[in-house]
Amino acid sequence: MFGLPGNPVSSAVPFALFAAPALAALQGAAEEPGERHAVLASAVRRNPDREQAIRVRLEPRNGTTTAIPNGPQGSHVITSLLGADALALIPAGGDELPAGTMVTLAPLPR
């Protein structure tokens, strides 16, 4: 049993990060090989107290994968999930994470 928050995005993100991998493991699925990374297309404001998982679209550019934030990132903004390919994990910090920074990606279940 998994307890998830009530807002749509607040449920989808922890499901993708915690529940979906746990359910896959319980079914005997093999772990995903290695971490995926992408380059941020634009600067992202960081939360000073916690890591964030922002919804991003992925596009190939100049031989690398680029992560483009998919609109406003509020927990109530369900449209940020439309067309999102992955979650970009943004470390905690008091400043912006500049465009061009390499970030780790977490998959969104399909």
PDB file of N, CA and C in Angstrom:
ATOM      1  N   MET A   1       0.844  -1.158   0.000  1.00  0.00           N
ATOM      2  CA  MET A   1       0.000   0.000   0.000  1.00  0.00           C
ATOM      3  C   MET A   1       0.900   1.235   0.000  1.00  0.00           C
ATOM      4  N   PHE A   2       0.521   2.213  -0.796  1.00  0.00           N
ATOM      5  CA  PHE A   2       1.250   3.470  -0.883  1.00  0.00           C
ATOM      6  C   PHE A   2       0.296   4.610  -0.556  1.00  0.00           C
ATOM      7  N   GLY A   3       0.736   5.533   0.268  1.00  0.00           N
ATOM      8  CA  GLY A   3      -0.045   6.733   0.543  1.00  0.00           C
ATOM      9  C   GLY A   3       0.528   7.887  -0.256  1.00  0.00           C
ATOM     10  N   LEU A   4      -0.299   8.506  -1.080  1.00  0.00           N
ATOM     11  CA  LEU A   4       0.154   9.602  -1.931  1.00  0.00           C
ATOM     12  C   LEU A   4      -0.660  10.857  -1.622  1.00  0.00           C
ATOM     13  N   PRO A   5      -0.074  12.049  -1.844  1.00  0.00           N
ATOM     14  CA  PRO A   5      -0.792  13.306  -1.595  1.00  0.00           C
ATOM     15  C   PRO A   5      -1.997  13.470  -2.522  1.00  0.00           C
ATOM     16  N   GLY A   6      -2.768  14.529  -2.297  1.00  0.00           N
ATOM     17  CA  GLY A   6      -4.008  14.734  -3.026  1.00  0.00           C
ATOM     18  C   GLY A   6      -3.916  15.484  -4.325  1.00  0.00           C
ATOM     19  N   ASN A   7      -3.033  16.478  -4.452  1.00  0.00           N
ATOM     20  CA  ASN A   7      -2.941  17.210  -5.712  1.00  0.00           C
ATOM     21  C   ASN A   7      -2.437  16.278  -6.812  1.00  0.00           C
ATOM     22  N   PRO A   8      -2.920  16.432  -8.037  1.00  0.00           N
ATOM     23  CA  PRO A   8      -2.554  15.501  -9.110  1.00  0.00           C
ATOM     24  C   PRO A   8      -1.047  15.363  -9.323  1.00  0.00           C
ATOM     25  N   VAL A   9      -0.345  16.468  -9.428  1.00  0.00           N
ATOM     26  CA  VAL A   9       1.095  16.394  -9.658  1.00  0.00           C
ATOM     27  C   VAL A   9       1.802  15.893  -8.399  1.00  0.00           C
ATOM     28  N   SER A  10       1.292  16.280  -7.229  1.00  0.00           N
ATOM     29  CA  SER A  10       1.876  15.815  -5.970  1.00  0.00           C
ATOM     30  C   SER A  10       1.723  14.311  -5.809  1.00  0.00           C
ATOM     31  N   SER A  11       0.788  13.699  -6.504  1.00  0.00           N
ATOM     32  CA  SER A  11       0.646  12.243  -6.505  1.00  0.00           C
ATOM     33  C   SER A  11       1.493  11.605  -7.599  1.00  0.00           C
ATOM     34  N   ALA A  12       1.509  12.210  -8.773  1.00  0.00           N
ATOM     35  CA  ALA A  12       2.218  11.626  -9.915  1.00  0.00           C
ATOM     36  C   ALA A  12       3.727  11.563  -9.690  1.00  0.00           C
ATOM     37  N   VAL A  13       4.299  12.617  -9.118  1.00  0.00           N
ATOM     38  CA  VAL A  13       5.758  12.653  -8.954  1.00  0.00           C
ATOM     39  C   VAL A  13       6.237  11.611  -7.943  1.00  0.00           C
ATOM     40  N   PRO A  14       5.683  11.526  -6.721  1.00  0.00           N
ATOM     41  CA  PRO A  14       6.147  10.465  -5.821  1.00  0.00           C
ATOM     42  C   PRO A  14       5.818   9.064  -6.331  1.00  0.00           C
ATOM     43  N   PHE A  15       4.717   8.929  -7.088  1.00  0.00           N
ATOM     44  CA  PHE A  15       4.437   7.625  -7.686  1.00  0.00           C
ATOM     45  C   PHE A  15       5.576   7.232  -8.626  1.00  0.00           C
ATOM     46  N   ALA A  16       6.000   8.183  -9.478  1.00  0.00           N
ATOM     47  CA  ALA A  16       7.082   7.900 -10.427  1.00  0.00           C
ATOM     48  C   ALA A  16       8.402   7.607  -9.718  1.00  0.00           C
ATOM     49  N   LEU A  17       8.687   8.342  -8.646  1.00  0.00           N
ATOM     50  CA  LEU A  17       9.974   8.200  -7.961  1.00  0.00           C
ATOM     51  C   LEU A  17      10.040   7.000  -7.022  1.00  0.00           C
ATOM     52  N   PHE A  18       8.915   6.639  -6.391  1.00  0.00           N
ATOM     53  CA  PHE A  18       8.954   5.625  -5.341  1.00  0.00           C
ATOM     54  C   PHE A  18       8.040   4.418  -5.601  1.00  0.00           C
ATOM     55  N   ALA A  19       6.767   4.672  -5.885  1.00  0.00           N
ATOM     56  CA  ALA A  19       5.816   3.573  -5.995  1.00  0.00           C
ATOM     57  C   ALA A  19       6.040   2.718  -7.249  1.00  0.00           C
ATOM     58  N   ALA A  20       6.202   3.343  -8.415  1.00  0.00           N
ATOM     59  CA  ALA A  20       6.390   2.570  -9.651  1.00  0.00           C
ATOM     60  C   ALA A  20       7.638   1.684  -9.584  1.00  0.00           C
ATOM     61  N   PRO A  21       8.800   2.202  -9.124  1.00  0.00           N
ATOM     62  CA  PRO A  21       9.959   1.304  -9.005  1.00  0.00           C
ATOM     63  C   PRO A  21       9.738   0.179  -7.995  1.00  0.00           C
ATOM     64  N   ALA A  22       9.040   0.463  -6.899  1.00  0.00           N
ATOM     65  CA  ALA A  22       8.764  -0.580  -5.898  1.00  0.00           C
ATOM     66  C   ALA A  22       7.843  -1.650  -6.478  1.00  0.00           C
ATOM     67  N   LEU A  23       6.802  -1.235  -7.196  1.00  0.00           N
ATOM     68  CA  LEU A  23       5.895  -2.194  -7.815  1.00  0.00           C
ATOM     69  C   LEU A  23       6.622  -3.044  -8.859  1.00  0.00           C
ATOM     70  N   ALA A  24       7.492  -2.416  -9.642  1.00  0.00           N
ATOM     71  CA  ALA A  24       8.271  -3.166 -10.639  1.00  0.00           C
ATOM     72  C   ALA A  24       9.169  -4.189  -9.960  1.00  0.00           C
ATOM     73  N   ALA A  25       9.826  -3.793  -8.874  1.00  0.00           N
ATOM     74  CA  ALA A  25      10.710  -4.713  -8.150  1.00  0.00           C
ATOM     75  C   ALA A  25       9.911  -5.876  -7.558  1.00  0.00           C
ATOM     76  N   LEU A  26       8.727  -5.598  -7.028  1.00  0.00           N
ATOM     77  CA  LEU A  26       7.890  -6.652  -6.459  1.00  0.00           C
ATOM     78  C   LEU A  26       7.431  -7.647  -7.534  1.00  0.00           C
ATOM     79  N   GLN A  27       7.386  -7.192  -8.792  1.00  0.00           N
ATOM     80  CA  GLN A  27       7.002  -8.070  -9.896  1.00  0.00           C
ATOM     81  C   GLN A  27       8.194  -8.776 -10.518  1.00  0.00           C
ATOM     82  N   GLY A  28       9.398  -8.511  -9.973  1.00  0.00           N
ATOM     83  CA  GLY A  28      10.601  -9.181 -10.465  1.00  0.00           C
ATOM     84  C   GLY A  28      11.240  -8.520 -11.670  1.00  0.00           C
ATOM     85  N   ALA A  29      10.857  -7.302 -11.991  1.00  0.00           N
ATOM     86  CA  ALA A  29      11.446  -6.600 -13.140  1.00  0.00           C
ATOM     87  C   ALA A  29      12.903  -6.273 -12.860  1.00  0.00           C
ATOM     88  N   ALA A  30      13.714  -6.321 -13.890  1.00  0.00           N
ATOM     89  CA  ALA A  30      15.125  -5.957 -13.760  1.00  0.00           C
ATOM     90  C   ALA A  30      15.245  -4.455 -13.546  1.00  0.00           C
ATOM     91  N   GLU A  31      16.261  -4.047 -12.810  1.00  0.00           N
ATOM     92  CA  GLU A  31      16.494  -2.618 -12.596  1.00  0.00           C
ATOM     93  C   GLU A  31      16.892  -1.952 -13.900  1.00  0.00           C
ATOM     94  N   GLU A  32      16.503  -0.687 -14.031  1.00  0.00           N
ATOM     95  CA  GLU A  32      16.903   0.099 -15.194  1.00  0.00           C
ATOM     96  C   GLU A  32      18.416   0.260 -15.174  1.00  0.00           C
ATOM     97  N   PRO A  33      19.088   0.051 -16.293  1.00  0.00           N
ATOM     98  CA  PRO A  33      20.549   0.172 -16.289  1.00  0.00           C
ATOM     99  C   PRO A  33      21.005   1.628 -16.234  1.00  0.00           C
ATOM    100  N   GLY A  34      21.828   1.953 -15.253  1.00  0.00           N
ATOM    101  CA  GLY A  34      22.471   3.265 -15.156  1.00  0.00           C
ATOM    102  C   GLY A  34      21.527   4.450 -15.048  1.00  0.00           C
ATOM    103  N   GLU A  35      22.096   5.580 -14.709  1.00  0.00           N
ATOM    104  CA  GLU A  35      21.338   6.824 -14.625  1.00  0.00           C
ATOM    105  C   GLU A  35      21.339   7.511 -15.978  1.00  0.00           C
ATOM    106  N   ARG A  36      20.255   8.204 -16.264  1.00  0.00           N
ATOM    107  CA  ARG A  36      20.187   9.030 -17.470  1.00  0.00           C
ATOM    108  C   ARG A  36      20.419  10.466 -17.061  1.00  0.00           C
ATOM    109  N   HIS A  37      21.021  11.222 -17.957  1.00  0.00           N
ATOM    110  CA  HIS A  37      21.310  12.630 -17.700  1.00  0.00           C
ATOM    111  C   HIS A  37      20.909  13.468 -18.899  1.00  0.00           C
ATOM    112  N   ALA A  38      20.706  14.751 -18.656  1.00  0.00           N
ATOM    113  CA  ALA A  38      20.413  15.708 -19.716  1.00  0.00           C
ATOM    114  C   ALA A  38      20.943  17.067 -19.287  1.00  0.00           C
ATOM    115  N   VAL A  39      21.040  17.965 -20.251  1.00  0.00           N
ATOM    116  CA  VAL A  39      21.504  19.330 -20.010  1.00  0.00           C
ATOM    117  C   VAL A  39      20.277  20.238 -19.900  1.00  0.00           C
ATOM    118  N   LEU A  40      20.231  21.055 -18.857  1.00  0.00           N
ATOM    119  CA  LEU A  40      19.112  21.988 -18.694  1.00  0.00           C
ATOM    120  C   LEU A  40      19.107  23.019 -19.820  1.00  0.00           C
ATOM    121  N   ALA A  41      17.951  23.232 -20.419  1.00  0.00           N
ATOM    122  CA  ALA A  41      17.825  24.214 -21.493  1.00  0.00           C
ATOM    123  C   ALA A  41      17.705  25.629 -20.953  1.00  0.00           C
ATOM    124  N   SER A  42      17.187  25.776 -19.737  1.00  0.00           N
ATOM    125  CA  SER A  42      17.026  27.105 -19.141  1.00  0.00           C
ATOM    126  C   SER A  42      17.319  27.008 -17.646  1.00  0.00           C
ATOM    127  N   ALA A  43      17.595  28.162 -17.042  1.00  0.00           N
ATOM    128  CA  ALA A  43      17.883  28.203 -15.608  1.00  0.00           C
ATOM    129  C   ALA A  43      16.643  27.790 -14.818  1.00  0.00           C
ATOM    130  N   VAL A  44      16.886  27.153 -13.669  1.00  0.00           N
ATOM    131  CA  VAL A  44      15.804  26.699 -12.799  1.00  0.00           C
ATOM    132  C   VAL A  44      16.075  27.229 -11.393  1.00  0.00           C
ATOM    133  N   ARG A  45      15.065  27.872 -10.800  1.00  0.00           N
ATOM    134  CA  ARG A  45      15.204  28.348  -9.424  1.00  0.00           C
ATOM    135  C   ARG A  45      15.175  27.142  -8.491  1.00  0.00           C
ATOM    136  N   ARG A  46      16.110  27.091  -7.558  1.00  0.00           N
ATOM    137  CA  ARG A  46      16.198  25.965  -6.641  1.00  0.00           C
ATOM    138  C   ARG A  46      15.537  26.285  -5.307  1.00  0.00           C
ATOM    139  N   ASN A  47      15.067  25.254  -4.647  1.00  0.00           N
ATOM    140  CA  ASN A  47      14.526  25.377  -3.300  1.00  0.00           C
ATOM    141  C   ASN A  47      15.703  25.225  -2.340  1.00  0.00           C
ATOM    142  N   PRO A  48      15.892  26.135  -1.390  1.00  0.00           N
ATOM    143  CA  PRO A  48      17.057  26.039  -0.510  1.00  0.00           C
ATOM    144  C   PRO A  48      17.016  24.849   0.433  1.00  0.00           C
ATOM    145  N   ASP A  49      15.839  24.265   0.670  1.00  0.00           N
ATOM    146  CA  ASP A  49      15.701  23.236   1.696  1.00  0.00           C
ATOM    147  C   ASP A  49      15.538  21.807   1.184  1.00  0.00           C
ATOM    148  N   ARG A  50      15.215  21.637  -0.098  1.00  0.00           N
ATOM    149  CA  ARG A  50      14.956  20.271  -0.563  1.00  0.00           C
ATOM    150  C   ARG A  50      15.203  20.125  -2.059  1.00  0.00           C
ATOM    151  N   GLU A  51      15.464  18.893  -2.435  1.00  0.00           N
ATOM    152  CA  GLU A  51      15.602  18.547  -3.840  1.00  0.00           C
ATOM    153  C   GLU A  51      14.229  18.653  -4.505  1.00  0.00           C
ATOM    154  N   GLN A  52      14.221  18.995  -5.779  1.00  0.00           N
ATOM    155  CA  GLN A  52      12.982  19.092  -6.544  1.00  0.00           C
ATOM    156  C   GLN A  52      13.040  18.126  -7.718  1.00  0.00           C
ATOM    157  N   ALA A  53      11.879  17.706  -8.157  1.00  0.00           N
ATOM    158  CA  ALA A  53      11.755  16.895  -9.366  1.00  0.00           C
ATOM    159  C   ALA A  53      10.835  17.663 -10.301  1.00  0.00           C
ATOM    160  N   ILE A  54      11.412  18.264 -11.339  1.00  0.00           N
ATOM    161  CA  ILE A  54      10.604  19.074 -12.245  1.00  0.00           C
ATOM    162  C   ILE A  54      10.291  18.294 -13.525  1.00  0.00           C
ATOM    163  N   ARG A  55       9.102  18.537 -14.054  1.00  0.00           N
ATOM    164  CA  ARG A  55       8.679  17.867 -15.266  1.00  0.00           C
ATOM    165  C   ARG A  55       9.366  18.515 -16.464  1.00  0.00           C
ATOM    166  N   VAL A  56       9.963  17.663 -17.312  1.00  0.00           N
ATOM    167  CA  VAL A  56      10.704  18.178 -18.465  1.00  0.00           C
ATOM    168  C   VAL A  56      10.359  17.392 -19.729  1.00  0.00           C
ATOM    169  N   ARG A  57      10.487  18.087 -20.853  1.00  0.00           N
ATOM    170  CA  ARG A  57      10.481  17.455 -22.173  1.00  0.00           C
ATOM    171  C   ARG A  57      11.931  17.224 -22.554  1.00  0.00           C
ATOM    172  N   LEU A  58      12.209  16.165 -23.263  1.00  0.00           N
ATOM    173  CA  LEU A  58      13.575  15.867 -23.690  1.00  0.00           C
ATOM    174  C   LEU A  58      13.684  16.028 -25.197  1.00  0.00           C
ATOM    175  N   GLU A  59      14.737  16.723 -25.620  1.00  0.00           N
ATOM    176  CA  GLU A  59      14.988  16.915 -27.048  1.00  0.00           C
ATOM    177  C   GLU A  59      16.470  16.718 -27.320  1.00  0.00           C
ATOM    178  N   PRO A  60      16.797  16.059 -28.434  1.00  0.00           N
ATOM    179  CA  PRO A  60      18.209  15.954 -28.811  1.00  0.00           C
ATOM    180  C   PRO A  60      18.685  17.278 -29.400  1.00  0.00           C
ATOM    181  N   ARG A  61      19.844  17.737 -28.941  1.00  0.00           N
ATOM    182  CA  ARG A  61      20.443  18.972 -29.473  1.00  0.00           C
ATOM    183  C   ARG A  61      21.956  18.817 -29.464  1.00  0.00           C
ATOM    184  N   ASN A  62      22.550  19.022 -30.591  1.00  0.00           N
ATOM    185  CA  ASN A  62      24.010  18.999 -30.716  1.00  0.00           C
ATOM    186  C   ASN A  62      24.620  17.745 -30.103  1.00  0.00           C
ATOM    187  N   GLY A  63      24.013  16.599 -30.342  1.00  0.00           N
ATOM    188  CA  GLY A  63      24.560  15.337 -29.873  1.00  0.00           C
ATOM    189  C   GLY A  63      24.345  15.038 -28.400  1.00  0.00           C
ATOM    190  N   THR A  64      23.539  15.817 -27.710  1.00  0.00           N
ATOM    191  CA  THR A  64      23.241  15.564 -26.302  1.00  0.00           C
ATOM    192  C   THR A  64      21.734  15.686 -26.091  1.00  0.00           C
ATOM    193  N   THR A  65      21.261  15.222 -24.953  1.00  0.00           N
ATOM    194  CA  THR A  65      19.846  15.353 -24.617  1.00  0.00           C
ATOM    195  C   THR A  65      19.652  16.618 -23.803  1.00  0.00           C
ATOM    196  N   THR A  66      18.670  17.409 -24.180  1.00  0.00           N
ATOM    197  CA  THR A  66      18.362  18.655 -23.484  1.00  0.00           C
ATOM    198  C   THR A  66      17.043  18.504 -22.738  1.00  0.00           C
ATOM    199  N   ALA A  67      17.019  18.951 -21.481  1.00  0.00           N
ATOM    200  CA  ALA A  67      15.814  18.917 -20.644  1.00  0.00           C
ATOM    201  C   ALA A  67      15.193  20.306 -20.630  1.00  0.00           C
ATOM    202  N   ILE A  68      13.964  20.396 -21.109  1.00  0.00           N
ATOM    203  CA  ILE A  68      13.247  21.669 -21.195  1.00  0.00           C
ATOM    204  C   ILE A  68      12.111  21.646 -20.178  1.00  0.00           C
ATOM    205  N   PRO A  69      12.152  22.513 -19.155  1.00  0.00           N
ATOM    206  CA  PRO A  69      11.057  22.544 -18.177  1.00  0.00           C
ATOM    207  C   PRO A  69       9.712  22.691 -18.893  1.00  0.00           C
ATOM    208  N   ASN A  70       8.753  21.893 -18.470  1.00  0.00           N
ATOM    209  CA  ASN A  70       7.472  21.788 -19.158  1.00  0.00           C
ATOM    210  C   ASN A  70       6.415  22.684 -18.521  1.00  0.00           C
ATOM    211  N   GLY A  71       6.666  23.983 -18.534  1.00  0.00           N
ATOM    212  CA  GLY A  71       5.695  24.939 -18.016  1.00  0.00           C
ATOM    213  C   GLY A  71       5.806  25.146 -16.522  1.00  0.00           C
ATOM    214  N   PRO A  72       4.813  25.837 -15.933  1.00  0.00           N
ATOM    215  CA  PRO A  72       4.816  26.077 -14.489  1.00  0.00           C
ATOM    216  C   PRO A  72       4.861  24.755 -13.724  1.00  0.00           C
ATOM    217  N   GLN A  73       5.546  24.748 -12.583  1.00  0.00           N
ATOM    218  CA  GLN A  73       5.821  23.512 -11.871  1.00  0.00           C
ATOM    219  C   GLN A  73       5.047  23.346 -10.569  1.00  0.00           C
ATOM    220  N   GLY A  74       4.019  24.144 -10.333  1.00  0.00           N
ATOM    221  CA  GLY A  74       3.252  24.023  -9.098  1.00  0.00           C
ATOM    222  C   GLY A  74       2.592  22.660  -8.960  1.00  0.00           C
ATOM    223  N   SER A  75       2.344  22.243  -7.720  1.00  0.00           N
ATOM    224  CA  SER A  75       1.778  20.920  -7.461  1.00  0.00           C
ATOM    225  C   SER A  75       0.360  20.771  -8.006  1.00  0.00           C
ATOM    226  N   HIS A  76      -0.298  21.863  -8.313  1.00  0.00           N
ATOM    227  CA  HIS A  76      -1.662  21.831  -8.843  1.00  0.00           C
ATOM    228  C   HIS A  76      -1.712  21.955 -10.362  1.00  0.00           C
ATOM    229  N   VAL A  77      -0.564  22.154 -11.006  1.00  0.00           N
ATOM    230  CA  VAL A  77      -0.524  22.426 -12.452  1.00  0.00           C
ATOM    231  C   VAL A  77      -0.387  21.111 -13.216  1.00  0.00           C
ATOM    232  N   ILE A  78      -1.517  20.463 -13.457  1.00  0.00           N
ATOM    233  CA  ILE A  78      -1.503  19.150 -14.098  1.00  0.00           C
ATOM    234  C   ILE A  78      -1.016  19.231 -15.547  1.00  0.00           C
ATOM    235  N   THR A  79      -1.161  20.392 -16.181  1.00  0.00           N
ATOM    236  CA  THR A  79      -0.704  20.521 -17.570  1.00  0.00           C
ATOM    237  C   THR A  79       0.811  20.345 -17.688  1.00  0.00           C
ATOM    238  N   SER A  80       1.552  20.501 -16.595  1.00  0.00           N
ATOM    239  CA  SER A  80       3.003  20.282 -16.659  1.00  0.00           C
ATOM    240  C   SER A  80       3.341  18.821 -16.900  1.00  0.00           C
ATOM    241  N   LEU A  81       2.385  17.914 -16.673  1.00  0.00           N
ATOM    242  CA  LEU A  81       2.609  16.497 -16.950  1.00  0.00           C
ATOM    243  C   LEU A  81       2.361  16.153 -18.422  1.00  0.00           C
ATOM    244  N   LEU A  82       1.546  16.978 -19.103  1.00  0.00           N
ATOM    245  CA  LEU A  82       1.248  16.717 -20.511  1.00  0.00           C
ATOM    246  C   LEU A  82       2.506  16.904 -21.346  1.00  0.00           C
ATOM    247  N   GLY A  83       2.906  15.893 -22.038  1.00  0.00           N
ATOM    248  CA  GLY A  83       4.079  15.976 -22.883  1.00  0.00           C
ATOM    249  C   GLY A  83       5.395  15.858 -22.139  1.00  0.00           C
ATOM    250  N   ALA A  84       5.359  15.694 -20.819  1.00  0.00           N
ATOM    251  CA  ALA A  84       6.604  15.529 -20.073  1.00  0.00           C
ATOM    252  C   ALA A  84       7.171  14.137 -20.343  1.00  0.00           C
ATOM    253  N   ASP A  85       8.481  14.067 -20.534  1.00  0.00           N
ATOM    254  CA  ASP A  85       9.158  12.805 -20.817  1.00  0.00           C
ATOM    255  C   ASP A  85       9.842  12.222 -19.589  1.00  0.00           C
ATOM    256  N   ALA A  86      10.181  13.074 -18.630  1.00  0.00           N
ATOM    257  CA  ALA A  86      10.956  12.627 -17.472  1.00  0.00           C
ATOM    258  C   ALA A  86      10.871  13.670 -16.364  1.00  0.00           C
ATOM    259  N   LEU A  87      11.459  13.335 -15.239  1.00  0.00           N
ATOM    260  CA  LEU A  87      11.631  14.272 -14.133  1.00  0.00           C
ATOM    261  C   LEU A  87      13.109  14.613 -14.049  1.00  0.00           C
ATOM    262  N   ALA A  88      13.426  15.894 -13.999  1.00  0.00           N
ATOM    263  CA  ALA A  88      14.807  16.335 -13.795  1.00  0.00           C
ATOM    264  C   ALA A  88      14.978  16.578 -12.299  1.00  0.00           C
ATOM    265  N   LEU A  89      15.975  15.933 -11.700  1.00  0.00           N
ATOM    266  CA  LEU A  89      16.209  16.060 -10.262  1.00  0.00           C
ATOM    267  C   LEU A  89      17.119  17.253 -10.017  1.00  0.00           C
ATOM    268  N   ILE A  90      16.579  18.254  -9.335  1.00  0.00           N
ATOM    269  CA  ILE A  90      17.274  19.517  -9.088  1.00  0.00           C
ATOM    270  C   ILE A  90      17.726  19.538  -7.626  1.00  0.00           C
ATOM    271  N   PRO A  91      19.034  19.618  -7.368  1.00  0.00           N
ATOM    272  CA  PRO A  91      19.494  19.602  -5.975  1.00  0.00           C
ATOM    273  C   PRO A  91      19.086  20.861  -5.224  1.00  0.00           C
ATOM    274  N   ALA A  92      18.977  20.741  -3.906  1.00  0.00           N
ATOM    275  CA  ALA A  92      18.649  21.887  -3.060  1.00  0.00           C
ATOM    276  C   ALA A  92      19.737  22.945  -3.170  1.00  0.00           C
ATOM    277  N   GLY A  93      19.356  24.185  -3.002  1.00  0.00           N
ATOM    278  CA  GLY A  93      20.319  25.285  -3.045  1.00  0.00           C
ATOM    279  C   GLY A  93      19.606  26.617  -3.020  1.00  0.00           C
ATOM    280  N   GLY A  94      20.332  27.655  -2.669  1.00  0.00           N
ATOM    281  CA  GLY A  94      19.727  28.964  -2.525  1.00  0.00           C
ATOM    282  C   GLY A  94      19.763  29.823  -3.762  1.00  0.00           C
ATOM    283  N   ASP A  95      20.247  29.304  -4.867  1.00  0.00           N
ATOM    284  CA  ASP A  95      20.372  30.109  -6.076  1.00  0.00           C
ATOM    285  C   ASP A  95      19.759  29.360  -7.250  1.00  0.00           C
ATOM    286  N   GLU A  96      19.934  29.904  -8.440  1.00  0.00           N
ATOM    287  CA  GLU A  96      19.458  29.229  -9.641  1.00  0.00           C
ATOM    288  C   GLU A  96      20.445  28.168 -10.080  1.00  0.00           C
ATOM    289  N   LEU A  97      19.925  27.129 -10.695  1.00  0.00           N
ATOM    290  CA  LEU A  97      20.766  26.166 -11.387  1.00  0.00           C
ATOM    291  C   LEU A  97      20.805  26.659 -12.830  1.00  0.00           C
ATOM    292  N   PRO A  98      21.981  27.052 -13.327  1.00  0.00           N
ATOM    293  CA  PRO A  98      22.022  27.716 -14.636  1.00  0.00           C
ATOM    294  C   PRO A  98      21.755  26.772 -15.801  1.00  0.00           C
ATOM    295  N   ALA A  99      21.306  27.357 -16.899  1.00  0.00           N
ATOM    296  CA  ALA A  99      21.167  26.613 -18.147  1.00  0.00           C
ATOM    297  C   ALA A  99      22.518  26.008 -18.488  1.00  0.00           C
ATOM    298  N   GLY A 100      22.501  24.818 -19.055  1.00  0.00           N
ATOM    299  CA  GLY A 100      23.735  24.129 -19.418  1.00  0.00           C
ATOM    300  C   GLY A 100      24.226  23.168 -18.354  1.00  0.00           C
ATOM    301  N   THR A 101      23.581  23.160 -17.177  1.00  0.00           N
ATOM    302  CA  THR A 101      23.961  22.241 -16.106  1.00  0.00           C
ATOM    303  C   THR A 101      23.457  20.842 -16.422  1.00  0.00           C
ATOM    304  N   MET A 102      24.287  19.841 -16.181  1.00  0.00           N
ATOM    305  CA  MET A 102      23.892  18.448 -16.359  1.00  0.00           C
ATOM    306  C   MET A 102      23.067  18.017 -15.146  1.00  0.00           C
ATOM    307  N   VAL A 103      21.886  17.430 -15.393  1.00  0.00           N
ATOM    308  CA  VAL A 103      21.004  16.969 -14.316  1.00  0.00           C
ATOM    309  C   VAL A 103      20.686  15.489 -14.517  1.00  0.00           C
ATOM    310  N   THR A 104      20.375  14.825 -13.415  1.00  0.00           N
ATOM    311  CA  THR A 104      19.943  13.430 -13.448  1.00  0.00           C
ATOM    312  C   THR A 104      18.464  13.383 -13.772  1.00  0.00           C
ATOM    313  N   LEU A 105      18.064  12.391 -14.541  1.00  0.00           N
ATOM    314  CA  LEU A 105      16.673  12.230 -14.928  1.00  0.00           C
ATOM    315  C   LEU A 105      16.075  10.985 -14.266  1.00  0.00           C
ATOM    316  N   ALA A 106      14.826  11.084 -13.905  1.00  0.00           N
ATOM    317  CA  ALA A 106      14.046   9.939 -13.434  1.00  0.00           C
ATOM    318  C   ALA A 106      12.922   9.722 -14.441  1.00  0.00           C
ATOM    319  N   PRO A 107      12.657   8.476 -14.815  1.00  0.00           N
ATOM    320  CA  PRO A 107      11.605   8.239 -15.813  1.00  0.00           C
ATOM    321  C   PRO A 107      10.210   8.475 -15.253  1.00  0.00           C
ATOM    322  N   LEU A 108       9.308   8.857 -16.122  1.00  0.00           N
ATOM    323  CA  LEU A 108       7.885   8.922 -15.784  1.00  0.00           C
ATOM    324  C   LEU A 108       7.245   7.645 -16.308  1.00  0.00           C
ATOM    325  N   PRO A 109       6.431   6.969 -15.493  1.00  0.00           N
ATOM    326  CA  PRO A 109       5.768   5.745 -15.982  1.00  0.00           C
ATOM    327  C   PRO A 109       4.832   6.058 -17.151  1.00  0.00           C
ATOM    328  N   ARG A 110       4.748   5.164 -18.067  1.00  0.00           N
ATOM    329  CA  ARG A 110       3.870   5.331 -19.237  1.00  0.00           C
ATOM    330  C   ARG A 110       2.680   4.427 -19.120  1.00  0.00           C
TER     331      ARG A 110
END
